[in-house]
Amino acid sequence: FINYLLGNGFIKHGDYNYITEVTYNQSKLPVSYLFKSINDDYIGHITISYDHDNYLIRESWFHGNKKLREFSQE
């Protein structure tokens, strides 16, 4: 996600300048990833949806309110 959003030059030599916060559902599956800088500035987020059997059906990538990409099984 970070490389897609900011380009390959964002991460250099293992120097990670961002934090990822992950939110899980009751089945312990990730439902969102929030990417922010170490200074707490918003970078982007990913939302994930599952069907009633916990199979992945949609993954959406956002920067602000702008949807960048969406992968869907529907």
Protein backbone atom coordinates (compact mmCIF):
# COMPACT_ATOMS: atom_id res chain seq x y z
CA PHE A 1 0.00 0.00 0.00
CA ILE A 2 2.71 2.49 0.98
CA ASN A 3 4.72 1.78 -2.19
CA TYR A 4 1.57 2.14 -4.31
CA LEU A 5 0.59 5.42 -2.68
CA LEU A 6 3.97 7.10 -2.24
CA GLY A 7 6.28 5.25 -4.65
CA ASN A 8 9.17 2.87 -4.14
CA GLY A 9 11.43 5.58 -2.70
CA PHE A 10 9.34 6.06 0.45
CA ILE A 11 11.01 3.24 2.41
CA LYS A 12 14.78 3.29 2.27
CA HIS A 13 17.14 0.68 3.70
CA GLY A 14 14.70 -0.62 6.31
CA ASP A 15 13.99 2.85 7.69
CA TYR A 16 10.25 2.67 8.34
CA ASN A 17 8.71 6.10 8.79
CA TYR A 18 5.12 4.99 9.27
CA ILE A 19 2.87 3.19 11.73
CA THR A 20 0.13 0.71 10.84
CA GLU A 21 -2.88 0.33 13.14
CA VAL A 22 -4.93 -2.81 12.54
CA THR A 23 -8.56 -3.30 13.63
CA TYR A 24 -9.95 -6.84 13.93
CA ASN A 25 -13.50 -8.19 13.91
CA GLN A 26 -14.95 -10.72 16.38
CA SER A 27 -13.51 -13.57 14.27
CA LYS A 28 -10.04 -12.03 14.73
CA LEU A 29 -9.81 -11.14 11.04
CA PRO A 30 -8.42 -7.72 10.05
CA VAL A 31 -11.12 -5.29 8.89
CA SER A 32 -9.05 -2.13 8.55
CA TYR A 33 -5.48 -0.90 8.32
CA LEU A 34 -4.71 2.73 9.13
CA PHE A 35 -1.36 4.06 7.91
CA LYS A 36 0.11 7.16 9.50
CA SER A 37 3.50 8.77 9.88
CA ILE A 38 5.49 8.52 13.07
CA ASN A 39 4.34 12.14 13.62
CA ASP A 40 0.70 10.91 13.58
CA ASP A 41 -0.08 12.39 10.12
CA TYR A 42 -2.66 10.40 8.14
CA ILE A 43 -1.26 8.58 5.08
CA GLY A 44 -4.14 6.29 4.05
CA HIS A 45 -6.23 3.31 5.02
CA ILE A 46 -7.54 -0.03 3.78
CA THR A 47 -10.96 -1.47 4.59
CA ILE A 48 -11.72 -5.18 4.27
CA SER A 49 -15.12 -6.91 4.05
CA TYR A 50 -15.97 -10.57 4.57
CA ASP A 51 -19.06 -12.64 3.84
CA HIS A 52 -20.96 -14.60 6.51
CA ASP A 53 -18.43 -17.47 6.18
CA ASN A 54 -15.48 -15.09 6.77
CA TYR A 55 -14.28 -15.25 3.17
CA LEU A 56 -12.73 -12.05 1.87
CA ILE A 57 -15.13 -10.33 -0.54
CA ARG A 58 -13.78 -6.78 -0.81
CA GLU A 59 -10.64 -4.77 -0.10
CA SER A 60 -10.66 -1.01 -0.68
CA TRP A 61 -7.66 1.33 -0.53
CA PHE A 62 -8.15 5.00 0.40
CA HIS A 63 -6.18 8.20 0.64
CA GLY A 64 -8.44 10.61 2.49
CA ASN A 65 -11.95 10.13 1.16
CA LYS A 66 -10.60 9.20 -2.29
CA LYS A 67 -10.82 5.51 -3.15
CA LEU A 68 -7.61 4.50 -4.93
CA ARG A 69 -8.27 0.84 -5.67
CA GLU A 70 -10.84 -1.81 -4.96
CA PHE A 71 -10.59 -5.59 -5.20
CA SER A 72 -13.89 -7.44 -5.11
CA GLN A 73 -15.06 -11.07 -5.29
CA GLU A 74 -18.67 -10.11 -5.96
